[in-house]
Structure formats: C-alpha cells, structure tokens
Amino acid sequence: MAAAVKKFVPLFDRVLVSRVAAATKSKGGIMLPESSVKKQNEGEVVAVGEGIRNADGDVIPNAVAVGDKVLLPEYGGTKIILDDEEFVLVRDSEILGRFSE
C-alpha cells in the first residue's frame, strides 16, 4: 500500500475502497481484451472515517472496517488517484454489502 494512502483519512462516514482488479484471462486460458472486461463492483476497504454524528452529537461508527471485502454500487462514489493507484471514496450507507470469509 502506498504511503499516501496511509496518510489519507476519510472524514465522517466516508470509506476509501480499492477496487478488485478484473480478470484478464478466461477460465479456459484465453486472454481477454480490455474492452470486454467489465468494471468490478467488489473492493477492499483501505481506510474509514470515524463515523457520522446523530442529532444528540453521539458518533455512530461505520459498519465496515479496514480489510473488509465489500460490494459497491455500479455508479457512485468519487474516484481518487493516490500514488498512481485508483480508489473510490463512498459513504458507508452507499456500500451494498460485506462479504464474510
């Protein structure tokens, strides 16, 4: 992981996610061109904010933690490039699910 990613801290309920790289080879061993490879909706959480505050001022923690594998929406989030790596910054509430190991 890049040093810039370790220094980046999302605010409030934001989550920084690294998308999983799409497969470039089929199960049969055929190399797939980039135009036929779809964007993956799966990613790994790299950094999380402290959470969002409710009306009473209490902090509600995020539902995910660093290292969790999550399912992202097809559209949404903010693309961020840190040290030539692309990440997506999304709200905790926009994450569709978490994969259990």
PDB file of N, CA and C in Angstrom:
ATOM      1  N   MET A   1       0.846  -1.177   0.000  1.00  0.00           N
ATOM      2  CA  MET A   1       0.000   0.000   0.000  1.00  0.00           C
ATOM      3  C   MET A   1       0.894   1.242   0.000  1.00  0.00           C
ATOM      4  N   ALA A   2       0.467   2.217  -0.710  1.00  0.00           N
ATOM      5  CA  ALA A   2       1.246   3.437  -0.875  1.00  0.00           C
ATOM      6  C   ALA A   2       1.248   4.271   0.407  1.00  0.00           C
ATOM      7  N   ALA A   3       2.296   5.064   0.551  1.00  0.00           N
ATOM      8  CA  ALA A   3       2.417   5.910   1.736  1.00  0.00           C
ATOM      9  C   ALA A   3       1.323   6.971   1.774  1.00  0.00           C
ATOM     10  N   ALA A   4       0.908   7.463   0.608  1.00  0.00           N
ATOM     11  CA  ALA A   4      -0.146   8.483   0.557  1.00  0.00           C
ATOM     12  C   ALA A   4      -1.477   7.925   1.048  1.00  0.00           C
ATOM     13  N   VAL A   5      -1.716   6.650   0.815  1.00  0.00           N
ATOM     14  CA  VAL A   5      -2.965   6.020   1.267  1.00  0.00           C
ATOM     15  C   VAL A   5      -2.968   5.923   2.787  1.00  0.00           C
ATOM     16  N   LYS A   6      -1.840   5.621   3.379  1.00  0.00           N
ATOM     17  CA  LYS A   6      -1.756   5.521   4.839  1.00  0.00           C
ATOM     18  C   LYS A   6      -1.978   6.873   5.505  1.00  0.00           C
ATOM     19  N   LYS A   7      -1.626   7.960   4.808  1.00  0.00           N
ATOM     20  CA  LYS A   7      -1.800   9.301   5.364  1.00  0.00           C
ATOM     21  C   LYS A   7      -3.196   9.850   5.129  1.00  0.00           C
ATOM     22  N   PHE A   8      -3.951   9.271   4.202  1.00  0.00           N
ATOM     23  CA  PHE A   8      -5.284   9.769   3.860  1.00  0.00           C
ATOM     24  C   PHE A   8      -6.299   9.247   4.877  1.00  0.00           C
ATOM     25  N   VAL A   9      -7.038  10.159   5.511  1.00  0.00           N
ATOM     26  CA  VAL A   9      -8.067   9.779   6.485  1.00  0.00           C
ATOM     27  C   VAL A   9      -9.403  10.346   6.010  1.00  0.00           C
ATOM     28  N   PRO A  10     -10.358   9.470   5.652  1.00  0.00           N
ATOM     29  CA  PRO A  10     -11.671   9.963   5.234  1.00  0.00           C
ATOM     30  C   PRO A  10     -12.399  10.631   6.401  1.00  0.00           C
ATOM     31  N   LEU A  11     -13.226  11.615   6.096  1.00  0.00           N
ATOM     32  CA  LEU A  11     -13.988  12.319   7.123  1.00  0.00           C
ATOM     33  C   LEU A  11     -15.362  11.693   7.306  1.00  0.00           C
ATOM     34  N   PHE A  12     -15.878  11.815   8.503  1.00  0.00           N
ATOM     35  CA  PHE A  12     -17.233  11.388   8.876  1.00  0.00           C
ATOM     36  C   PHE A  12     -17.500   9.938   8.494  1.00  0.00           C
ATOM     37  N   ASP A  13     -18.511   9.675   7.655  1.00  0.00           N
ATOM     38  CA  ASP A  13     -18.888   8.295   7.334  1.00  0.00           C
ATOM     39  C   ASP A  13     -18.335   7.847   5.984  1.00  0.00           C
ATOM     40  N   ARG A  14     -17.276   8.493   5.505  1.00  0.00           N
ATOM     41  CA  ARG A  14     -16.695   8.132   4.216  1.00  0.00           C
ATOM     42  C   ARG A  14     -15.783   6.914   4.366  1.00  0.00           C
ATOM     43  N   VAL A  15     -15.698   6.125   3.283  1.00  0.00           N
ATOM     44  CA  VAL A  15     -14.892   4.912   3.265  1.00  0.00           C
ATOM     45  C   VAL A  15     -14.069   4.919   1.981  1.00  0.00           C
ATOM     46  N   LEU A  16     -12.769   4.671   2.080  1.00  0.00           N
ATOM     47  CA  LEU A  16     -11.887   4.587   0.916  1.00  0.00           C
ATOM     48  C   LEU A  16     -11.739   3.124   0.533  1.00  0.00           C
ATOM     49  N   VAL A  17     -12.079   2.805  -0.729  1.00  0.00           N
ATOM     50  CA  VAL A  17     -12.106   1.418  -1.193  1.00  0.00           C
ATOM     51  C   VAL A  17     -11.198   1.263  -2.403  1.00  0.00           C
ATOM     52  N   SER A  18     -10.445   0.187  -2.414  1.00  0.00           N
ATOM     53  CA  SER A  18      -9.636  -0.193  -3.573  1.00  0.00           C
ATOM     54  C   SER A  18     -10.395  -1.268  -4.326  1.00  0.00           C
ATOM     55  N   ARG A  19     -10.733  -0.994  -5.596  1.00  0.00           N
ATOM     56  CA  ARG A  19     -11.479  -1.978  -6.387  1.00  0.00           C
ATOM     57  C   ARG A  19     -10.606  -3.191  -6.707  1.00  0.00           C
ATOM     58  N   VAL A  20     -11.242  -4.361  -6.776  1.00  0.00           N
ATOM     59  CA  VAL A  20     -10.555  -5.588  -7.150  1.00  0.00           C
ATOM     60  C   VAL A  20     -10.295  -5.547  -8.655  1.00  0.00           C
ATOM     61  N   ALA A  21      -9.126  -5.955  -9.068  1.00  0.00           N
ATOM     62  CA  ALA A  21      -8.785  -5.956 -10.496  1.00  0.00           C
ATOM     63  C   ALA A  21      -9.616  -7.010 -11.226  1.00  0.00           C
ATOM     64  N   ALA A  22     -10.111  -6.647 -12.405  1.00  0.00           N
ATOM     65  CA  ALA A  22     -10.911  -7.566 -13.203  1.00  0.00           C
ATOM     66  C   ALA A  22     -10.017  -8.643 -13.805  1.00  0.00           C
ATOM     67  N   ALA A  23     -10.591  -9.816 -14.003  1.00  0.00           N
ATOM     68  CA  ALA A  23      -9.848 -10.926 -14.593  1.00  0.00           C
ATOM     69  C   ALA A  23      -9.547 -10.624 -16.056  1.00  0.00           C
ATOM     70  N   THR A  24      -8.289 -10.837 -16.444  1.00  0.00           N
ATOM     71  CA  THR A  24      -7.904 -10.589 -17.834  1.00  0.00           C
ATOM     72  C   THR A  24      -7.729 -11.880 -18.609  1.00  0.00           C
ATOM     73  N   LYS A  25      -7.995 -13.005 -17.932  1.00  0.00           N
ATOM     74  CA  LYS A  25      -7.884 -14.301 -18.589  1.00  0.00           C
ATOM     75  C   LYS A  25      -9.136 -15.110 -18.273  1.00  0.00           C
ATOM     76  N   SER A  26      -9.673 -15.801 -19.269  1.00  0.00           N
ATOM     77  CA  SER A  26     -10.870 -16.611 -19.054  1.00  0.00           C
ATOM     78  C   SER A  26     -10.490 -17.910 -18.348  1.00  0.00           C
ATOM     79  N   LYS A  27     -11.491 -18.677 -17.933  1.00  0.00           N
ATOM     80  CA  LYS A  27     -11.236 -19.950 -17.252  1.00  0.00           C
ATOM     81  C   LYS A  27     -10.503 -20.930 -18.156  1.00  0.00           C
ATOM     82  N   GLY A  28     -10.718 -20.787 -19.461  1.00  0.00           N
ATOM     83  CA  GLY A  28     -10.055 -21.667 -20.423  1.00  0.00           C
ATOM     84  C   GLY A  28      -8.650 -21.216 -20.782  1.00  0.00           C
ATOM     85  N   GLY A  29      -8.189 -20.082 -20.271  1.00  0.00           N
ATOM     86  CA  GLY A  29      -6.842 -19.607 -20.511  1.00  0.00           C
ATOM     87  C   GLY A  29      -6.732 -18.586 -21.622  1.00  0.00           C
ATOM     88  N   ILE A  30      -7.859 -18.127 -22.148  1.00  0.00           N
ATOM     89  CA  ILE A  30      -7.835 -17.154 -23.235  1.00  0.00           C
ATOM     90  C   ILE A  30      -7.679 -15.752 -22.645  1.00  0.00           C
ATOM     91  N   MET A  31      -6.757 -14.971 -23.208  1.00  0.00           N
ATOM     92  CA  MET A  31      -6.548 -13.599 -22.768  1.00  0.00           C
ATOM     93  C   MET A  31      -7.693 -12.722 -23.280  1.00  0.00           C
ATOM     94  N   LEU A  32      -8.296 -11.944 -22.397  1.00  0.00           N
ATOM     95  CA  LEU A  32      -9.429 -11.093 -22.747  1.00  0.00           C
ATOM     96  C   LEU A  32      -8.954  -9.676 -23.036  1.00  0.00           C
ATOM     97  N   PRO A  33      -9.483  -9.032 -24.091  1.00  0.00           N
ATOM     98  CA  PRO A  33      -9.110  -7.630 -24.349  1.00  0.00           C
ATOM     99  C   PRO A  33      -9.741  -6.709 -23.314  1.00  0.00           C
ATOM    100  N   GLU A  34      -9.136  -5.540 -23.107  1.00  0.00           N
ATOM    101  CA  GLU A  34      -9.621  -4.600 -22.095  1.00  0.00           C
ATOM    102  C   GLU A  34     -11.044  -4.146 -22.363  1.00  0.00           C
ATOM    103  N   SER A  35     -11.434  -4.083 -23.643  1.00  0.00           N
ATOM    104  CA  SER A  35     -12.780  -3.612 -23.975  1.00  0.00           C
ATOM    105  C   SER A  35     -13.865  -4.588 -23.530  1.00  0.00           C
ATOM    106  N   SER A  36     -13.522  -5.861 -23.349  1.00  0.00           N
ATOM    107  CA  SER A  36     -14.536  -6.836 -22.950  1.00  0.00           C
ATOM    108  C   SER A  36     -14.572  -7.063 -21.443  1.00  0.00           C
ATOM    109  N   VAL A  37     -13.615  -6.498 -20.707  1.00  0.00           N
ATOM    110  CA  VAL A  37     -13.548  -6.677 -19.256  1.00  0.00           C
ATOM    111  C   VAL A  37     -14.411  -5.606 -18.591  1.00  0.00           C
ATOM    112  N   LYS A  38     -15.358  -6.055 -17.744  1.00  0.00           N
ATOM    113  CA  LYS A  38     -16.247  -5.121 -17.056  1.00  0.00           C
ATOM    114  C   LYS A  38     -15.596  -4.599 -15.775  1.00  0.00           C
ATOM    115  N   LYS A  39     -16.057  -3.429 -15.339  1.00  0.00           N
ATOM    116  CA  LYS A  39     -15.616  -2.845 -14.081  1.00  0.00           C
ATOM    117  C   LYS A  39     -16.158  -3.699 -12.937  1.00  0.00           C
ATOM    118  N   GLN A  40     -15.321  -4.031 -11.990  1.00  0.00           N
ATOM    119  CA  GLN A  40     -15.725  -4.859 -10.856  1.00  0.00           C
ATOM    120  C   GLN A  40     -16.429  -4.016  -9.795  1.00  0.00           C
ATOM    121  N   ASN A  41     -17.458  -4.588  -9.189  1.00  0.00           N
ATOM    122  CA  ASN A  41     -18.183  -3.915  -8.116  1.00  0.00           C
ATOM    123  C   ASN A  41     -17.699  -4.364  -6.744  1.00  0.00           C
ATOM    124  N   GLU A  42     -16.647  -5.139  -6.720  1.00  0.00           N
ATOM    125  CA  GLU A  42     -16.110  -5.651  -5.469  1.00  0.00           C
ATOM    126  C   GLU A  42     -14.842  -4.885  -5.127  1.00  0.00           C
ATOM    127  N   GLY A  43     -14.613  -4.663  -3.832  1.00  0.00           N
ATOM    128  CA  GLY A  43     -13.414  -3.952  -3.426  1.00  0.00           C
ATOM    129  C   GLY A  43     -13.027  -4.263  -1.997  1.00  0.00           C
ATOM    130  N   GLU A  44     -11.876  -3.742  -1.595  1.00  0.00           N
ATOM    131  CA  GLU A  44     -11.384  -3.925  -0.236  1.00  0.00           C
ATOM    132  C   GLU A  44     -11.274  -2.561   0.435  1.00  0.00           C
ATOM    133  N   VAL A  45     -11.752  -2.473   1.659  1.00  0.00           N
ATOM    134  CA  VAL A  45     -11.724  -1.220   2.414  1.00  0.00           C
ATOM    135  C   VAL A  45     -10.288  -0.934   2.832  1.00  0.00           C
ATOM    136  N   VAL A  46      -9.819   0.267   2.491  1.00  0.00           N
ATOM    137  CA  VAL A  46      -8.449   0.678   2.779  1.00  0.00           C
ATOM    138  C   VAL A  46      -8.400   1.627   3.977  1.00  0.00           C
ATOM    139  N   ALA A  47      -9.397   2.507   4.094  1.00  0.00           N
ATOM    140  CA  ALA A  47      -9.438   3.469   5.201  1.00  0.00           C
ATOM    141  C   ALA A  47     -10.895   3.828   5.486  1.00  0.00           C
ATOM    142  N   VAL A  48     -11.204   4.106   6.743  1.00  0.00           N
ATOM    143  CA  VAL A  48     -12.559   4.504   7.133  1.00  0.00           C
ATOM    144  C   VAL A  48     -12.506   5.751   8.009  1.00  0.00           C
ATOM    145  N   GLY A  49     -13.576   6.546   7.941  1.00  0.00           N
ATOM    146  CA  GLY A  49     -13.704   7.715   8.809  1.00  0.00           C
ATOM    147  C   GLY A  49     -14.185   7.291  10.177  1.00  0.00           C
ATOM    148  N   GLU A  50     -14.332   8.260  11.065  1.00  0.00           N
ATOM    149  CA  GLU A  50     -14.741   7.951  12.441  1.00  0.00           C
ATOM    150  C   GLU A  50     -16.217   7.605  12.562  1.00  0.00           C
ATOM    151  N   GLY A  51     -17.034   8.041  11.621  1.00  0.00           N
ATOM    152  CA  GLY A  51     -18.474   7.800  11.664  1.00  0.00           C
ATOM    153  C   GLY A  51     -19.225   9.111  11.583  1.00  0.00           C
ATOM    154  N   ILE A  52     -20.525   9.007  11.569  1.00  0.00           N
ATOM    155  CA  ILE A  52     -21.373  10.202  11.445  1.00  0.00           C
ATOM    156  C   ILE A  52     -22.001  10.508  12.810  1.00  0.00           C
ATOM    157  N   ARG A  53     -22.301  11.752  13.031  1.00  0.00           N
ATOM    158  CA  ARG A  53     -22.911  12.151  14.307  1.00  0.00           C
ATOM    159  C   ARG A  53     -24.432  12.211  14.166  1.00  0.00           C
ATOM    160  N   ASN A  54     -25.135  11.764  15.198  1.00  0.00           N
ATOM    161  CA  ASN A  54     -26.599  11.848  15.193  1.00  0.00           C
ATOM    162  C   ASN A  54     -27.027  13.192  15.784  1.00  0.00           C
ATOM    163  N   ALA A  55     -28.315  13.371  15.974  1.00  0.00           N
ATOM    164  CA  ALA A  55     -28.851  14.648  16.448  1.00  0.00           C
ATOM    165  C   ALA A  55     -28.366  14.994  17.862  1.00  0.00           C
ATOM    166  N   ASP A  56     -28.064  13.972  18.666  1.00  0.00           N
ATOM    167  CA  ASP A  56     -27.591  14.204  20.029  1.00  0.00           C
ATOM    168  C   ASP A  56     -26.091  14.478  20.088  1.00  0.00           C
ATOM    169  N   GLY A  57     -25.397  14.331  18.967  1.00  0.00           N
ATOM    170  CA  GLY A  57     -23.955  14.562  18.934  1.00  0.00           C
ATOM    171  C   GLY A  57     -23.127  13.313  19.158  1.00  0.00           C
ATOM    172  N   ASP A  58     -23.785  12.166  19.324  1.00  0.00           N
ATOM    173  CA  ASP A  58     -23.059  10.911  19.515  1.00  0.00           C
ATOM    174  C   ASP A  58     -22.557  10.404  18.159  1.00  0.00           C
ATOM    175  N   VAL A  59     -21.387   9.795  18.162  1.00  0.00           N
ATOM    176  CA  VAL A  59     -20.809   9.259  16.925  1.00  0.00           C
ATOM    177  C   VAL A  59     -21.358   7.860  16.677  1.00  0.00           C
ATOM    178  N   ILE A  60     -21.911   7.661  15.480  1.00  0.00           N
ATOM    179  CA  ILE A  60     -22.371   6.340  15.057  1.00  0.00           C
ATOM    180  C   ILE A  60     -21.259   5.756  14.193  1.00  0.00           C
ATOM    181  N   PRO A  61     -20.588   4.678  14.634  1.00  0.00           N
ATOM    182  CA  PRO A  61     -19.446   4.146  13.887  1.00  0.00           C
ATOM    183  C   PRO A  61     -19.876   3.528  12.559  1.00  0.00           C
ATOM    184  N   ASN A  62     -18.919   3.440  11.641  1.00  0.00           N
ATOM    185  CA  ASN A  62     -19.181   2.829  10.338  1.00  0.00           C
ATOM    186  C   ASN A  62     -19.403   1.327  10.483  1.00  0.00           C
ATOM    187  N   ALA A  63     -20.119   0.757   9.528  1.00  0.00           N
ATOM    188  CA  ALA A  63     -20.440  -0.668   9.563  1.00  0.00           C
ATOM    189  C   ALA A  63     -19.304  -1.528   9.030  1.00  0.00           C
ATOM    190  N   VAL A  64     -18.317  -0.929   8.380  1.00  0.00           N
ATOM    191  CA  VAL A  64     -17.203  -1.686   7.819  1.00  0.00           C
ATOM    192  C   VAL A  64     -15.903  -1.253   8.481  1.00  0.00           C
ATOM    193  N   ALA A  65     -14.900  -2.110   8.364  1.00  0.00           N
ATOM    194  CA  ALA A  65     -13.582  -1.816   8.934  1.00  0.00           C
ATOM    195  C   ALA A  65     -12.524  -2.034   7.861  1.00  0.00           C
ATOM    196  N   VAL A  66     -11.327  -1.575   8.121  1.00  0.00           N
ATOM    197  CA  VAL A  66     -10.223  -1.740   7.180  1.00  0.00           C
ATOM    198  C   VAL A  66      -9.980  -3.229   6.945  1.00  0.00           C
ATOM    199  N   GLY A  67      -9.863  -3.611   5.681  1.00  0.00           N
ATOM    200  CA  GLY A  67      -9.619  -5.005   5.320  1.00  0.00           C
ATOM    201  C   GLY A  67     -10.858  -5.763   4.903  1.00  0.00           C
ATOM    202  N   ASP A  68     -12.057  -5.216   5.142  1.00  0.00           N
ATOM    203  CA  ASP A  68     -13.303  -5.885   4.749  1.00  0.00           C
ATOM    204  C   ASP A  68     -13.447  -5.893   3.236  1.00  0.00           C
ATOM    205  N   LYS A  69     -13.981  -6.981   2.700  1.00  0.00           N
ATOM    206  CA  LYS A  69     -14.331  -7.074   1.283  1.00  0.00           C
ATOM    207  C   LYS A  69     -15.786  -6.631   1.160  1.00  0.00           C
ATOM    208  N   VAL A  70     -16.057  -5.654   0.276  1.00  0.00           N
ATOM    209  CA  VAL A  70     -17.392  -5.074   0.180  1.00  0.00           C
ATOM    210  C   VAL A  70     -17.891  -5.076  -1.260  1.00  0.00           C
ATOM    211  N   LEU A  71     -19.206  -4.948  -1.396  1.00  0.00           N
ATOM    212  CA  LEU A  71     -19.866  -4.833  -2.689  1.00  0.00           C
ATOM    213  C   LEU A  71     -20.268  -3.382  -2.871  1.00  0.00           C
ATOM    214  N   LEU A  72     -19.787  -2.772  -3.961  1.00  0.00           N
ATOM    215  CA  LEU A  72     -20.029  -1.359  -4.232  1.00  0.00           C
ATOM    216  C   LEU A  72     -21.148  -1.192  -5.250  1.00  0.00           C
ATOM    217  N   PRO A  73     -21.827  -0.050  -5.246  1.00  0.00           N
ATOM    218  CA  PRO A  73     -22.818   0.219  -6.290  1.00  0.00           C
ATOM    219  C   PRO A  73     -22.111   0.408  -7.631  1.00  0.00           C
ATOM    220  N   GLU A  74     -22.838   0.124  -8.719  1.00  0.00           N
ATOM    221  CA  GLU A  74     -22.242   0.245 -10.047  1.00  0.00           C
ATOM    222  C   GLU A  74     -21.834   1.686 -10.338  1.00  0.00           C
ATOM    223  N   TYR A  75     -22.682   2.617  -9.956  1.00  0.00           N
ATOM    224  CA  TYR A  75     -22.391   4.038 -10.155  1.00  0.00           C
ATOM    225  C   TYR A  75     -22.355   4.720  -8.805  1.00  0.00           C
ATOM    226  N   GLY A  76     -21.555   5.746  -8.687  1.00  0.00           N
ATOM    227  CA  GLY A  76     -21.491   6.484  -7.437  1.00  0.00           C
ATOM    228  C   GLY A  76     -20.090   6.491  -6.877  1.00  0.00           C
ATOM    229  N   GLY A  77     -19.905   7.277  -5.856  1.00  0.00           N
ATOM    230  CA  GLY A  77     -18.595   7.419  -5.253  1.00  0.00           C
ATOM    231  C   GLY A  77     -17.750   8.417  -6.009  1.00  0.00           C
ATOM    232  N   THR A  78     -16.635   8.753  -5.426  1.00  0.00           N
ATOM    233  CA  THR A  78     -15.695   9.705  -6.016  1.00  0.00           C
ATOM    234  C   THR A  78     -14.388   8.988  -6.289  1.00  0.00           C
ATOM    235  N   LYS A  79     -13.921   9.037  -7.533  1.00  0.00           N
ATOM    236  CA  LYS A  79     -12.650   8.403  -7.880  1.00  0.00           C
ATOM    237  C   LYS A  79     -11.507   9.285  -7.382  1.00  0.00           C
ATOM    238  N   ILE A  80     -10.542   8.645  -6.736  1.00  0.00           N
ATOM    239  CA  ILE A  80      -9.373   9.336  -6.214  1.00  0.00           C
ATOM    240  C   ILE A  80      -8.140   8.571  -6.670  1.00  0.00           C
ATOM    241  N   ILE A  81      -7.115   9.298  -7.114  1.00  0.00           N
ATOM    242  CA  ILE A  81      -5.860   8.666  -7.505  1.00  0.00           C
ATOM    243  C   ILE A  81      -4.791   9.098  -6.508  1.00  0.00           C
ATOM    244  N   LEU A  82      -4.228   8.113  -5.809  1.00  0.00           N
ATOM    245  CA  LEU A  82      -3.156   8.352  -4.840  1.00  0.00           C
ATOM    246  C   LEU A  82      -1.968   7.491  -5.239  1.00  0.00           C
ATOM    247  N   ASP A  83      -0.836   8.103  -5.491  1.00  0.00           N
ATOM    248  CA  ASP A  83       0.375   7.384  -5.912  1.00  0.00           C
ATOM    249  C   ASP A  83       0.107   6.448  -7.092  1.00  0.00           C
ATOM    250  N   ASP A  84      -0.571   6.956  -8.104  1.00  0.00           N
ATOM    251  CA  ASP A  84      -0.877   6.225  -9.349  1.00  0.00           C
ATOM    252  C   ASP A  84      -1.777   5.010  -9.140  1.00  0.00           C
ATOM    253  N   GLU A  85      -2.450   4.915  -8.021  1.00  0.00           N
ATOM    254  CA  GLU A  85      -3.447   3.875  -7.786  1.00  0.00           C
ATOM    255  C   GLU A  85      -4.811   4.532  -7.706  1.00  0.00           C
ATOM    256  N   GLU A  86      -5.826   3.861  -8.271  1.00  0.00           N
ATOM    257  CA  GLU A  86      -7.173   4.427  -8.273  1.00  0.00           C
ATOM    258  C   GLU A  86      -7.993   3.830  -7.134  1.00  0.00           C
ATOM    259  N   PHE A  87      -8.656   4.707  -6.385  1.00  0.00           N
ATOM    260  CA  PHE A  87      -9.515   4.316  -5.275  1.00  0.00           C
ATOM    261  C   PHE A  87     -10.875   4.971  -5.463  1.00  0.00           C
ATOM    262  N   VAL A  88     -11.857   4.489  -4.707  1.00  0.00           N
ATOM    263  CA  VAL A  88     -13.192   5.066  -4.733  1.00  0.00           C
ATOM    264  C   VAL A  88     -13.546   5.471  -3.308  1.00  0.00           C
ATOM    265  N   LEU A  89     -14.012   6.708  -3.155  1.00  0.00           N
ATOM    266  CA  LEU A  89     -14.442   7.213  -1.856  1.00  0.00           C
ATOM    267  C   LEU A  89     -15.964   7.219  -1.834  1.00  0.00           C
ATOM    268  N   VAL A  90     -16.568   6.418  -0.951  1.00  0.00           N
ATOM    269  CA  VAL A  90     -18.027   6.292  -0.872  1.00  0.00           C
ATOM    270  C   VAL A  90     -18.471   6.503   0.568  1.00  0.00           C
ATOM    271  N   ARG A  91     -19.739   6.807   0.722  1.00  0.00           N
ATOM    272  CA  ARG A  91     -20.323   6.880   2.067  1.00  0.00           C
ATOM    273  C   ARG A  91     -20.579   5.451   2.563  1.00  0.00           C
ATOM    274  N   ASP A  92     -20.542   5.282   3.862  1.00  0.00           N
ATOM    275  CA  ASP A  92     -20.791   3.977   4.463  1.00  0.00           C
ATOM    276  C   ASP A  92     -22.177   3.460   4.078  1.00  0.00           C
ATOM    277  N   SER A  93     -23.151   4.341   3.983  1.00  0.00           N
ATOM    278  CA  SER A  93     -24.521   3.932   3.664  1.00  0.00           C
ATOM    279  C   SER A  93     -24.688   3.516   2.202  1.00  0.00           C
ATOM    280  N   GLU A  94     -23.734   3.889   1.324  1.00  0.00           N
ATOM    281  CA  GLU A  94     -23.815   3.515  -0.085  1.00  0.00           C
ATOM    282  C   GLU A  94     -23.289   2.111  -0.354  1.00  0.00           C
ATOM    283  N   ILE A  95     -22.533   1.545   0.574  1.00  0.00           N
ATOM    284  CA  ILE A  95     -21.996   0.201   0.396  1.00  0.00           C
ATOM    285  C   ILE A  95     -23.145  -0.788   0.476  1.00  0.00           C
ATOM    286  N   LEU A  96     -23.225  -1.670  -0.529  1.00  0.00           N
ATOM    287  CA  LEU A  96     -24.365  -2.591  -0.631  1.00  0.00           C
ATOM    288  C   LEU A  96     -24.254  -3.791   0.287  1.00  0.00           C
ATOM    289  N   GLY A  97     -23.051  -4.246   0.564  1.00  0.00           N
ATOM    290  CA  GLY A  97     -22.909  -5.417   1.420  1.00  0.00           C
ATOM    291  C   GLY A  97     -21.455  -5.691   1.735  1.00  0.00           C
ATOM    292  N   ARG A  98     -21.258  -6.626   2.659  1.00  0.00           N
ATOM    293  CA  ARG A  98     -19.913  -7.034   3.065  1.00  0.00           C
ATOM    294  C   ARG A  98     -19.806  -8.535   2.888  1.00  0.00           C
ATOM    295  N   PHE A  99     -18.716  -9.007   2.318  1.00  0.00           N
ATOM    296  CA  PHE A  99     -18.503 -10.439   2.111  1.00  0.00           C
ATOM    297  C   PHE A  99     -17.924 -11.030   3.390  1.00  0.00           C
ATOM    298  N   SER A 100     -18.499 -12.145   3.838  1.00  0.00           N
ATOM    299  CA  SER A 100     -17.959 -12.826   5.012  1.00  0.00           C
ATOM    300  C   SER A 100     -16.961 -13.868   4.541  1.00  0.00           C
ATOM    301  N   GLU A 101     -15.962 -14.095   5.336  1.00  0.00           N
ATOM    302  CA  GLU A 101     -14.876 -15.016   4.957  1.00  0.00           C
ATOM    303  C   GLU A 101     -15.206 -16.422   5.345  1.00  0.00           C
TER     304      GLU A 101
END
